[in-house]
Amino acid sequence: MSRLKLTQHAQIRMQQRAVTTMQVELIHQFGEQHYQKGGTYVTFISDRKLAALRAAVDSLYKQTLVLNESDVLITVMHQEPNRAKRMTTCLINLLNKWQP
């Protein structure tokens, strides 16, 4: 996610309204922008989009990504305590043998 630059006013309002940096970043990343007069935009997450995001987040439970050092996605899997460890070890062994 991109880092927003915050004005002192925004920082004060976030503190007063108990809005976290993560919440601001999520709204910025997934929200809808609407132009308003004065050259500014308002950004918010609609009810429909929020429901879709909640469903997506709920489905992430125990899902795992396996990436290499260059951030290339190798595989995805459901995490099971022992299986995930065995699978990761197996994939590491395969990658060590693989020559592009």
N, C-alpha and C. Protein backbone atom coordinates (compact mmCIF):
# COMPACT_ATOMS: atom_id res chain seq x y z
N MET A 1 0.83 -1.17 0.00
CA MET A 1 0.00 0.00 0.00
C MET A 1 0.87 1.24 0.00
N SER A 2 0.40 2.25 -0.65
CA SER A 2 1.16 3.49 -0.68
C SER A 2 1.00 4.23 0.65
N ARG A 3 2.02 4.93 1.00
CA ARG A 3 1.99 5.71 2.23
C ARG A 3 1.43 7.09 1.93
N LEU A 4 0.36 7.46 2.60
CA LEU A 4 -0.20 8.80 2.46
C LEU A 4 0.61 9.78 3.30
N LYS A 5 0.72 10.98 2.80
CA LYS A 5 1.30 12.04 3.61
C LYS A 5 0.15 12.67 4.39
N LEU A 6 0.31 12.78 5.70
CA LEU A 6 -0.75 13.29 6.55
C LEU A 6 -0.43 14.71 7.00
N THR A 7 -1.43 15.58 6.91
CA THR A 7 -1.26 16.92 7.48
C THR A 7 -1.40 16.81 8.98
N GLN A 8 -0.98 17.85 9.67
CA GLN A 8 -1.12 17.87 11.12
C GLN A 8 -2.61 17.83 11.48
N HIS A 9 -3.42 18.53 10.69
CA HIS A 9 -4.88 18.53 10.91
C HIS A 9 -5.44 17.11 10.80
N ALA A 10 -5.01 16.37 9.78
CA ALA A 10 -5.50 15.00 9.60
C ALA A 10 -5.08 14.12 10.77
N GLN A 11 -3.84 14.28 11.24
CA GLN A 11 -3.37 13.49 12.38
C GLN A 11 -4.19 13.76 13.63
N ILE A 12 -4.52 15.03 13.85
CA ILE A 12 -5.32 15.40 15.02
C ILE A 12 -6.71 14.80 14.91
N ARG A 13 -7.34 14.93 13.72
CA ARG A 13 -8.68 14.38 13.52
C ARG A 13 -8.70 12.86 13.65
N MET A 14 -7.67 12.19 13.15
CA MET A 14 -7.60 10.74 13.29
C MET A 14 -7.58 10.36 14.76
N GLN A 15 -6.79 11.07 15.54
CA GLN A 15 -6.70 10.78 16.97
C GLN A 15 -8.03 11.07 17.66
N GLN A 16 -8.66 12.19 17.34
CA GLN A 16 -9.92 12.56 17.97
C GLN A 16 -11.04 11.57 17.63
N ARG A 17 -10.98 11.01 16.42
CA ARG A 17 -12.05 10.13 15.94
C ARG A 17 -11.69 8.65 16.02
N ALA A 18 -10.58 8.35 16.66
CA ALA A 18 -10.13 6.96 16.85
C ALA A 18 -10.03 6.21 15.52
N VAL A 19 -9.46 6.87 14.53
CA VAL A 19 -9.25 6.26 13.21
C VAL A 19 -7.77 5.88 13.13
N THR A 20 -7.50 4.62 12.82
CA THR A 20 -6.12 4.15 12.78
C THR A 20 -5.49 4.40 11.41
N THR A 21 -4.18 4.36 11.37
CA THR A 21 -3.46 4.50 10.10
C THR A 21 -3.84 3.37 9.15
N MET A 22 -4.01 2.17 9.69
CA MET A 22 -4.39 1.04 8.84
C MET A 22 -5.76 1.29 8.19
N GLN A 23 -6.70 1.83 8.95
CA GLN A 23 -8.01 2.12 8.39
C GLN A 23 -7.91 3.14 7.27
N VAL A 24 -7.12 4.18 7.47
CA VAL A 24 -6.93 5.21 6.44
C VAL A 24 -6.32 4.59 5.19
N GLU A 25 -5.30 3.75 5.37
CA GLU A 25 -4.64 3.11 4.23
C GLU A 25 -5.62 2.20 3.47
N LEU A 26 -6.45 1.47 4.20
CA LEU A 26 -7.42 0.59 3.55
C LEU A 26 -8.46 1.38 2.76
N ILE A 27 -8.95 2.46 3.34
CA ILE A 27 -9.91 3.31 2.62
C ILE A 27 -9.25 3.90 1.38
N HIS A 28 -8.03 4.33 1.52
CA HIS A 28 -7.30 4.90 0.38
C HIS A 28 -7.09 3.86 -0.71
N GLN A 29 -6.76 2.63 -0.31
CA GLN A 29 -6.47 1.57 -1.27
C GLN A 29 -7.73 1.04 -1.95
N PHE A 30 -8.81 0.83 -1.19
CA PHE A 30 -9.98 0.14 -1.72
C PHE A 30 -11.20 1.03 -1.91
N GLY A 31 -11.11 2.27 -1.49
CA GLY A 31 -12.27 3.16 -1.56
C GLY A 31 -12.53 3.73 -2.94
N GLU A 32 -13.69 4.34 -3.06
CA GLU A 32 -14.10 5.00 -4.31
C GLU A 32 -13.84 6.49 -4.15
N GLN A 33 -13.21 7.09 -5.16
CA GLN A 33 -12.92 8.52 -5.11
C GLN A 33 -14.02 9.29 -5.82
N HIS A 34 -14.46 10.37 -5.20
CA HIS A 34 -15.46 11.24 -5.79
C HIS A 34 -14.96 12.67 -5.69
N TYR A 35 -14.92 13.34 -6.84
CA TYR A 35 -14.43 14.71 -6.90
C TYR A 35 -15.42 15.64 -6.21
N GLN A 36 -14.88 16.61 -5.50
CA GLN A 36 -15.72 17.66 -4.94
C GLN A 36 -15.08 19.00 -5.26
N LYS A 37 -15.87 20.04 -5.22
CA LYS A 37 -15.34 21.35 -5.61
C LYS A 37 -14.16 21.73 -4.74
N GLY A 38 -13.30 22.55 -5.30
CA GLY A 38 -12.12 22.99 -4.58
C GLY A 38 -10.89 22.14 -4.88
N GLY A 39 -11.03 21.21 -5.84
CA GLY A 39 -9.89 20.41 -6.26
C GLY A 39 -9.55 19.28 -5.30
N THR A 40 -10.51 18.84 -4.51
CA THR A 40 -10.28 17.75 -3.58
C THR A 40 -11.18 16.56 -3.92
N TYR A 41 -10.87 15.44 -3.32
CA TYR A 41 -11.65 14.21 -3.49
C TYR A 41 -12.07 13.70 -2.12
N VAL A 42 -13.24 13.09 -2.10
CA VAL A 42 -13.62 12.32 -0.90
C VAL A 42 -13.49 10.86 -1.29
N THR A 43 -13.01 10.07 -0.39
CA THR A 43 -12.82 8.64 -0.66
C THR A 43 -13.48 7.86 0.47
N PHE A 44 -14.28 6.87 0.09
CA PHE A 44 -14.95 6.04 1.08
C PHE A 44 -15.20 4.67 0.49
N ILE A 45 -15.51 3.72 1.37
CA ILE A 45 -15.84 2.37 0.93
C ILE A 45 -17.35 2.20 1.05
N SER A 46 -18.00 1.91 -0.06
CA SER A 46 -19.45 1.75 -0.07
C SER A 46 -19.85 0.48 0.71
N ASP A 47 -21.11 0.40 1.08
CA ASP A 47 -21.61 -0.77 1.81
C ASP A 47 -21.40 -2.05 1.00
N ARG A 48 -21.67 -1.98 -0.29
CA ARG A 48 -21.53 -3.15 -1.16
C ARG A 48 -20.07 -3.61 -1.23
N LYS A 49 -19.16 -2.64 -1.41
CA LYS A 49 -17.74 -2.98 -1.49
C LYS A 49 -17.23 -3.48 -0.14
N LEU A 50 -17.71 -2.90 0.95
CA LEU A 50 -17.29 -3.34 2.27
C LEU A 50 -17.73 -4.78 2.53
N ALA A 51 -18.93 -5.12 2.09
CA ALA A 51 -19.41 -6.50 2.25
C ALA A 51 -18.53 -7.46 1.45
N ALA A 52 -18.15 -7.07 0.24
CA ALA A 52 -17.29 -7.91 -0.59
C ALA A 52 -15.91 -8.06 0.05
N LEU A 53 -15.37 -6.98 0.60
CA LEU A 53 -14.06 -7.03 1.26
C LEU A 53 -14.11 -7.90 2.51
N ARG A 54 -15.19 -7.81 3.27
CA ARG A 54 -15.34 -8.65 4.47
C ARG A 54 -15.36 -10.12 4.09
N ALA A 55 -16.10 -10.45 3.03
CA ALA A 55 -16.17 -11.84 2.58
C ALA A 55 -14.79 -12.32 2.14
N ALA A 56 -14.06 -11.46 1.43
CA ALA A 56 -12.72 -11.83 0.97
C ALA A 56 -11.78 -12.04 2.16
N VAL A 57 -11.84 -11.17 3.14
CA VAL A 57 -10.97 -11.30 4.31
C VAL A 57 -11.35 -12.55 5.11
N ASP A 58 -12.63 -12.80 5.27
CA ASP A 58 -13.06 -14.00 6.01
C ASP A 58 -12.56 -15.27 5.34
N SER A 59 -12.46 -15.26 4.02
CA SER A 59 -12.02 -16.46 3.31
C SER A 59 -10.51 -16.66 3.37
N LEU A 60 -9.79 -15.71 3.93
CA LEU A 60 -8.32 -15.82 4.02
C LEU A 60 -7.86 -16.72 5.16
N TYR A 61 -8.76 -17.12 6.02
CA TYR A 61 -8.39 -17.88 7.20
C TYR A 61 -7.59 -19.13 6.82
N LYS A 62 -6.40 -19.23 7.36
CA LYS A 62 -5.50 -20.37 7.15
C LYS A 62 -5.08 -20.59 5.71
N GLN A 63 -5.12 -19.56 4.88
CA GLN A 63 -4.57 -19.68 3.53
C GLN A 63 -3.15 -19.13 3.55
N THR A 64 -2.29 -19.77 2.78
CA THR A 64 -0.87 -19.44 2.80
C THR A 64 -0.36 -19.25 1.39
N LEU A 65 0.51 -18.27 1.21
CA LEU A 65 1.21 -18.06 -0.06
C LEU A 65 2.65 -18.51 0.11
N VAL A 66 3.19 -19.12 -0.91
CA VAL A 66 4.60 -19.47 -0.93
C VAL A 66 5.23 -18.66 -2.05
N LEU A 67 6.18 -17.81 -1.68
CA LEU A 67 6.86 -16.94 -2.65
C LEU A 67 8.36 -17.19 -2.60
N ASN A 68 9.04 -16.88 -3.69
CA ASN A 68 10.50 -16.99 -3.66
C ASN A 68 11.09 -15.64 -3.22
N GLU A 69 12.39 -15.55 -3.21
CA GLU A 69 13.06 -14.33 -2.74
C GLU A 69 12.79 -13.12 -3.62
N SER A 70 12.35 -13.36 -4.88
CA SER A 70 12.05 -12.26 -5.80
C SER A 70 10.57 -11.90 -5.78
N ASP A 71 9.85 -12.38 -4.79
CA ASP A 71 8.41 -12.14 -4.64
C ASP A 71 7.59 -12.71 -5.78
N VAL A 72 8.02 -13.83 -6.34
CA VAL A 72 7.25 -14.54 -7.36
C VAL A 72 6.41 -15.58 -6.63
N LEU A 73 5.11 -15.58 -6.89
CA LEU A 73 4.23 -16.53 -6.24
C LEU A 73 4.44 -17.91 -6.82
N ILE A 74 4.78 -18.87 -5.96
CA ILE A 74 5.04 -20.24 -6.37
C ILE A 74 3.77 -21.07 -6.28
N THR A 75 3.09 -20.97 -5.13
CA THR A 75 1.85 -21.72 -4.96
C THR A 75 1.05 -21.10 -3.83
N VAL A 76 -0.19 -21.54 -3.70
CA VAL A 76 -1.05 -21.19 -2.57
C VAL A 76 -1.54 -22.49 -1.96
N MET A 77 -1.82 -22.45 -0.66
CA MET A 77 -2.28 -23.67 -0.01
C MET A 77 -3.07 -23.32 1.23
N HIS A 78 -3.85 -24.29 1.69
CA HIS A 78 -4.55 -24.17 2.96
C HIS A 78 -3.59 -24.62 4.04
N GLN A 79 -3.47 -23.82 5.05
CA GLN A 79 -2.50 -24.12 6.10
C GLN A 79 -3.07 -25.13 7.09
N GLU A 80 -2.37 -26.21 7.21
CA GLU A 80 -2.65 -27.19 8.25
C GLU A 80 -1.35 -27.30 9.03
N PRO A 81 -1.42 -27.35 10.34
CA PRO A 81 -0.20 -27.24 11.14
C PRO A 81 0.99 -28.05 10.65
N ASN A 82 0.86 -29.34 10.50
CA ASN A 82 2.00 -30.16 10.10
C ASN A 82 2.17 -30.18 8.58
N ARG A 83 1.07 -30.19 7.86
CA ARG A 83 1.12 -30.27 6.40
C ARG A 83 1.81 -29.04 5.80
N ALA A 84 1.51 -27.88 6.34
CA ALA A 84 2.11 -26.66 5.81
C ALA A 84 3.63 -26.69 5.94
N LYS A 85 4.11 -27.17 7.08
CA LYS A 85 5.55 -27.24 7.29
C LYS A 85 6.18 -28.26 6.34
N ARG A 86 5.54 -29.43 6.19
CA ARG A 86 6.07 -30.45 5.27
C ARG A 86 6.04 -29.94 3.84
N MET A 87 4.94 -29.29 3.46
CA MET A 87 4.80 -28.78 2.09
C MET A 87 5.87 -27.73 1.80
N THR A 88 6.10 -26.84 2.74
CA THR A 88 7.10 -25.79 2.56
C THR A 88 8.49 -26.41 2.41
N THR A 89 8.80 -27.37 3.24
CA THR A 89 10.10 -28.05 3.16
C THR A 89 10.25 -28.74 1.80
N CYS A 90 9.20 -29.41 1.35
CA CYS A 90 9.21 -30.08 0.05
C CYS A 90 9.44 -29.07 -1.08
N LEU A 91 8.73 -27.94 -1.03
CA LEU A 91 8.87 -26.92 -2.07
C LEU A 91 10.28 -26.31 -2.07
N ILE A 92 10.83 -26.10 -0.90
CA ILE A 92 12.19 -25.55 -0.81
C ILE A 92 13.17 -26.52 -1.43
N ASN A 93 13.01 -27.80 -1.16
CA ASN A 93 13.90 -28.81 -1.74
C ASN A 93 13.76 -28.84 -3.25
N LEU A 94 12.53 -28.75 -3.75
CA LEU A 94 12.33 -28.73 -5.20
C LEU A 94 12.95 -27.50 -5.84
N LEU A 95 12.76 -26.34 -5.20
CA LEU A 95 13.32 -25.10 -5.75
C LEU A 95 14.84 -25.12 -5.76
N ASN A 96 15.43 -25.72 -4.74
CA ASN A 96 16.89 -25.80 -4.69
C ASN A 96 17.44 -26.65 -5.83
N LYS A 97 16.67 -27.61 -6.29
CA LYS A 97 17.10 -28.48 -7.38
C LYS A 97 16.77 -27.90 -8.75
N TRP A 98 15.80 -26.96 -8.79
CA TRP A 98 15.31 -26.44 -10.06
C TRP A 98 16.28 -25.40 -10.63
N GLN A 99 16.59 -25.53 -11.92
CA GLN A 99 17.45 -24.59 -12.63
C GLN A 99 16.66 -23.97 -13.76
N PRO A 100 16.43 -22.67 -13.76
CA PRO A 100 15.65 -22.02 -14.83
C PRO A 100 16.38 -22.03 -16.16
